[in-house]
Amino acid sequence: MKKIIAVCGLICTECPAYIAKSKNDNNLRKKTAEEWSKMFNAKIKAKDINCDGCISNSLVLFAHCNECEMRLCAISKKANNCGKCAEYPCKKISDFMAMVPSCKAVLEEERKKK
């Protein structure tokens, strides 16, 4: 499977929501919904665990992806990901990378491809 990189540097193809959708795996949906509900202190249902990837043109995105500020910003700037943006690193992505440091390495690698 081709690796899909989200705007923020997460790897969509490694995300349980993406995997559950692509494999139509209801057990993974249920397990992920339970884990994410606890992790994010939210009520996430198994039916919500579906995503075609952050940069897809599909309407099937996990709920947060639809409202993600970084994704909306990248779309407005026609950047495939933050690493390819002329303003990288901005405050939004810097704050995110502080929480999820693995994304920085991914975006730095993407920036080299620019």
C-alpha atoms as a PDB file:
ATOM      1  CA  MET A   1       0.000   0.000   0.000  1.00  0.00           C
ATOM      2  CA  LYS A   2       1.284   3.453  -0.904  1.00  0.00           C
ATOM      3  CA  LYS A   3       2.053   5.605   2.139  1.00  0.00           C
ATOM      4  CA  ILE A   4      -0.300   8.566   2.511  1.00  0.00           C
ATOM      5  CA  ILE A   5       1.058  11.467   4.547  1.00  0.00           C
ATOM      6  CA  ALA A   6      -1.395  13.751   6.288  1.00  0.00           C
ATOM      7  CA  VAL A   7      -0.996  17.502   6.218  1.00  0.00           C
ATOM      8  CA  CYS A   8       0.399  17.436   9.779  1.00  0.00           C
ATOM      9  CA  GLY A   9       2.879  14.633   9.164  1.00  0.00           C
ATOM     10  CA  LEU A  10       0.853  11.759  10.569  1.00  0.00           C
ATOM     11  CA  ILE A  11       0.875   8.712   8.313  1.00  0.00           C
ATOM     12  CA  CYS A  12      -2.747   8.182   7.228  1.00  0.00           C
ATOM     13  CA  THR A  13      -2.067   4.651   6.020  1.00  0.00           C
ATOM     14  CA  GLU A  14      -0.972   3.707   9.565  1.00  0.00           C
ATOM     15  CA  CYS A  15      -4.065   5.237  11.210  1.00  0.00           C
ATOM     16  CA  PRO A  16      -6.680   2.796  12.555  1.00  0.00           C
ATOM     17  CA  ALA A  17      -9.528   4.830  11.004  1.00  0.00           C
ATOM     18  CA  TYR A  18      -7.916   4.585   7.567  1.00  0.00           C
ATOM     19  CA  ILE A  19      -7.113   0.887   7.990  1.00  0.00           C
ATOM     20  CA  ALA A  20     -10.615   0.071   9.280  1.00  0.00           C
ATOM     21  CA  LYS A  21     -12.201   1.823   6.286  1.00  0.00           C
ATOM     22  CA  SER A  22      -9.899   0.270   3.714  1.00  0.00           C
ATOM     23  CA  LYS A  23     -10.330  -3.249   5.146  1.00  0.00           C
ATOM     24  CA  ASN A  24     -13.964  -2.759   6.225  1.00  0.00           C
ATOM     25  CA  ASP A  25     -12.915  -4.079   9.656  1.00  0.00           C
ATOM     26  CA  ASN A  26     -15.733  -3.596  12.151  1.00  0.00           C
ATOM     27  CA  ASN A  27     -13.711  -5.130  15.009  1.00  0.00           C
ATOM     28  CA  LEU A  28     -10.969  -2.541  14.477  1.00  0.00           C
ATOM     29  CA  ARG A  29     -13.605   0.209  14.337  1.00  0.00           C
ATOM     30  CA  LYS A  30     -15.037  -0.899  17.685  1.00  0.00           C
ATOM     31  CA  LYS A  31     -11.623  -1.269  19.343  1.00  0.00           C
ATOM     32  CA  THR A  32     -10.431   2.103  18.036  1.00  0.00           C
ATOM     33  CA  ALA A  33     -13.639   3.870  19.079  1.00  0.00           C
ATOM     34  CA  GLU A  34     -13.213   2.536  22.622  1.00  0.00           C
ATOM     35  CA  GLU A  35      -9.524   3.518  22.778  1.00  0.00           C
ATOM     36  CA  TRP A  36     -10.013   6.986  21.297  1.00  0.00           C
ATOM     37  CA  SER A  37     -13.059   7.657  23.492  1.00  0.00           C
ATOM     38  CA  LYS A  38     -10.905   7.085  26.576  1.00  0.00           C
ATOM     39  CA  MET A  39      -7.836   8.834  25.151  1.00  0.00           C
ATOM     40  CA  PHE A  40      -9.676  11.982  24.060  1.00  0.00           C
ATOM     41  CA  ASN A  41     -12.423  11.924  26.697  1.00  0.00           C
ATOM     42  CA  ALA A  42     -15.065  11.906  23.983  1.00  0.00           C
ATOM     43  CA  LYS A  43     -17.915   9.691  22.848  1.00  0.00           C
ATOM     44  CA  ILE A  44     -16.665   8.171  19.629  1.00  0.00           C
ATOM     45  CA  LYS A  45     -18.758   5.474  17.993  1.00  0.00           C
ATOM     46  CA  ALA A  46     -17.470   2.598  15.894  1.00  0.00           C
ATOM     47  CA  LYS A  47     -19.419   3.932  12.889  1.00  0.00           C
ATOM     48  CA  ASP A  48     -17.289   7.101  13.104  1.00  0.00           C
ATOM     49  CA  ILE A  49     -14.030   5.211  12.578  1.00  0.00           C
ATOM     50  CA  ASN A  50     -13.743   5.692   8.821  1.00  0.00           C
ATOM     51  CA  CYS A  51     -11.317   7.780   6.809  1.00  0.00           C
ATOM     52  CA  ASP A  52      -9.930   7.845   3.272  1.00  0.00           C
ATOM     53  CA  GLY A  53      -6.925   9.938   4.307  1.00  0.00           C
ATOM     54  CA  CYS A  54      -6.391  13.578   5.107  1.00  0.00           C
ATOM     55  CA  ILE A  55      -5.449  14.700   1.625  1.00  0.00           C
ATOM     56  CA  SER A  56      -8.069  12.692  -0.237  1.00  0.00           C
ATOM     57  CA  ASN A  57     -10.892  14.419  -2.083  1.00  0.00           C
ATOM     58  CA  SER A  58     -13.273  12.012  -0.413  1.00  0.00           C
ATOM     59  CA  LEU A  59     -15.969  13.139   1.961  1.00  0.00           C
ATOM     60  CA  VAL A  60     -15.089  10.171   4.185  1.00  0.00           C
ATOM     61  CA  LEU A  61     -12.814  11.643   6.838  1.00  0.00           C
ATOM     62  CA  PHE A  62     -12.620  11.084  10.570  1.00  0.00           C
ATOM     63  CA  ALA A  63     -14.557  13.860  12.332  1.00  0.00           C
ATOM     64  CA  HIS A  64     -11.514  15.777  13.556  1.00  0.00           C
ATOM     65  CA  CYS A  65      -9.933  15.717  10.102  1.00  0.00           C
ATOM     66  CA  ASN A  66     -12.908  17.638   8.708  1.00  0.00           C
ATOM     67  CA  GLU A  67     -12.278  20.517  11.104  1.00  0.00           C
ATOM     68  CA  CYS A  68      -8.481  20.319  11.454  1.00  0.00           C
ATOM     69  CA  GLU A  69      -7.014  23.841  11.228  1.00  0.00           C
ATOM     70  CA  MET A  70      -3.789  22.578   9.670  1.00  0.00           C
ATOM     71  CA  ARG A  71      -5.676  20.652   6.977  1.00  0.00           C
ATOM     72  CA  LEU A  72      -7.907  23.614   6.164  1.00  0.00           C
ATOM     73  CA  CYS A  73      -4.870  25.901   6.031  1.00  0.00           C
ATOM     74  CA  ALA A  74      -2.985  23.545   3.697  1.00  0.00           C
ATOM     75  CA  ILE A  75      -6.007  23.289   1.410  1.00  0.00           C
ATOM     76  CA  SER A  76      -6.258  27.079   1.240  1.00  0.00           C
ATOM     77  CA  LYS A  77      -2.548  27.301   0.377  1.00  0.00           C
ATOM     78  CA  LYS A  78      -2.661  24.353  -2.028  1.00  0.00           C
ATOM     79  CA  ALA A  79       0.055  22.534  -0.055  1.00  0.00           C
ATOM     80  CA  ASN A  80      -0.025  18.726   0.143  1.00  0.00           C
ATOM     81  CA  ASN A  81       1.349  18.958   3.668  1.00  0.00           C
ATOM     82  CA  CYS A  82       2.813  21.525   6.049  1.00  0.00           C
ATOM     83  CA  GLY A  83       6.373  20.591   5.113  1.00  0.00           C
ATOM     84  CA  LYS A  84       5.721  21.855   1.594  1.00  0.00           C
ATOM     85  CA  CYS A  85       4.325  25.196   2.777  1.00  0.00           C
ATOM     86  CA  ALA A  86       6.391  28.364   2.325  1.00  0.00           C
ATOM     87  CA  GLU A  87       5.466  29.392   5.887  1.00  0.00           C
ATOM     88  CA  TYR A  88       6.694  26.147   7.486  1.00  0.00           C
ATOM     89  CA  PRO A  89       7.039  25.920  10.413  1.00  0.00           C
ATOM     90  CA  CYS A  90       4.183  28.132  11.555  1.00  0.00           C
ATOM     91  CA  LYS A  91       2.815  28.268  15.094  1.00  0.00           C
ATOM     92  CA  LYS A  92      -0.001  25.771  14.361  1.00  0.00           C
ATOM     93  CA  ILE A  93       2.295  23.033  13.122  1.00  0.00           C
ATOM     94  CA  SER A  94       4.995  23.829  15.696  1.00  0.00           C
ATOM     95  CA  ASP A  95       2.472  23.424  18.519  1.00  0.00           C
ATOM     96  CA  PHE A  96       1.266  20.157  17.002  1.00  0.00           C
ATOM     97  CA  MET A  97       4.794  18.807  16.533  1.00  0.00           C
ATOM     98  CA  ALA A  98       5.494  19.566  20.211  1.00  0.00           C
ATOM     99  CA  MET A  99       2.659  17.152  21.066  1.00  0.00           C
ATOM    100  CA  VAL A 100       3.490  14.615  18.329  1.00  0.00           C
ATOM    101  CA  PRO A 101       7.260  14.835  17.711  1.00  0.00           C
ATOM    102  CA  SER A 102       7.306  11.971  15.196  1.00  0.00           C
ATOM    103  CA  CYS A 103       5.494  14.234  12.732  1.00  0.00           C
ATOM    104  CA  LYS A 104       8.422  16.648  12.597  1.00  0.00           C
ATOM    105  CA  ALA A 105      10.728  14.038  11.044  1.00  0.00           C
ATOM    106  CA  VAL A 106       8.078  13.160   8.459  1.00  0.00           C
ATOM    107  CA  LEU A 107       7.513  16.805   7.512  1.00  0.00           C
ATOM    108  CA  GLU A 108      11.241  17.540   7.381  1.00  0.00           C
ATOM    109  CA  GLU A 109      11.633  14.629   4.951  1.00  0.00           C
ATOM    110  CA  GLU A 110       8.733  15.976   2.870  1.00  0.00           C
ATOM    111  CA  ARG A 111      10.335  19.421   2.872  1.00  0.00           C
ATOM    112  CA  LYS A 112      13.492  17.952   1.333  1.00  0.00           C
ATOM    113  CA  LYS A 113      11.361  16.633  -1.554  1.00  0.00           C
ATOM    114  CA  LYS A 114      10.042  20.153  -2.294  1.00  0.00           C
END
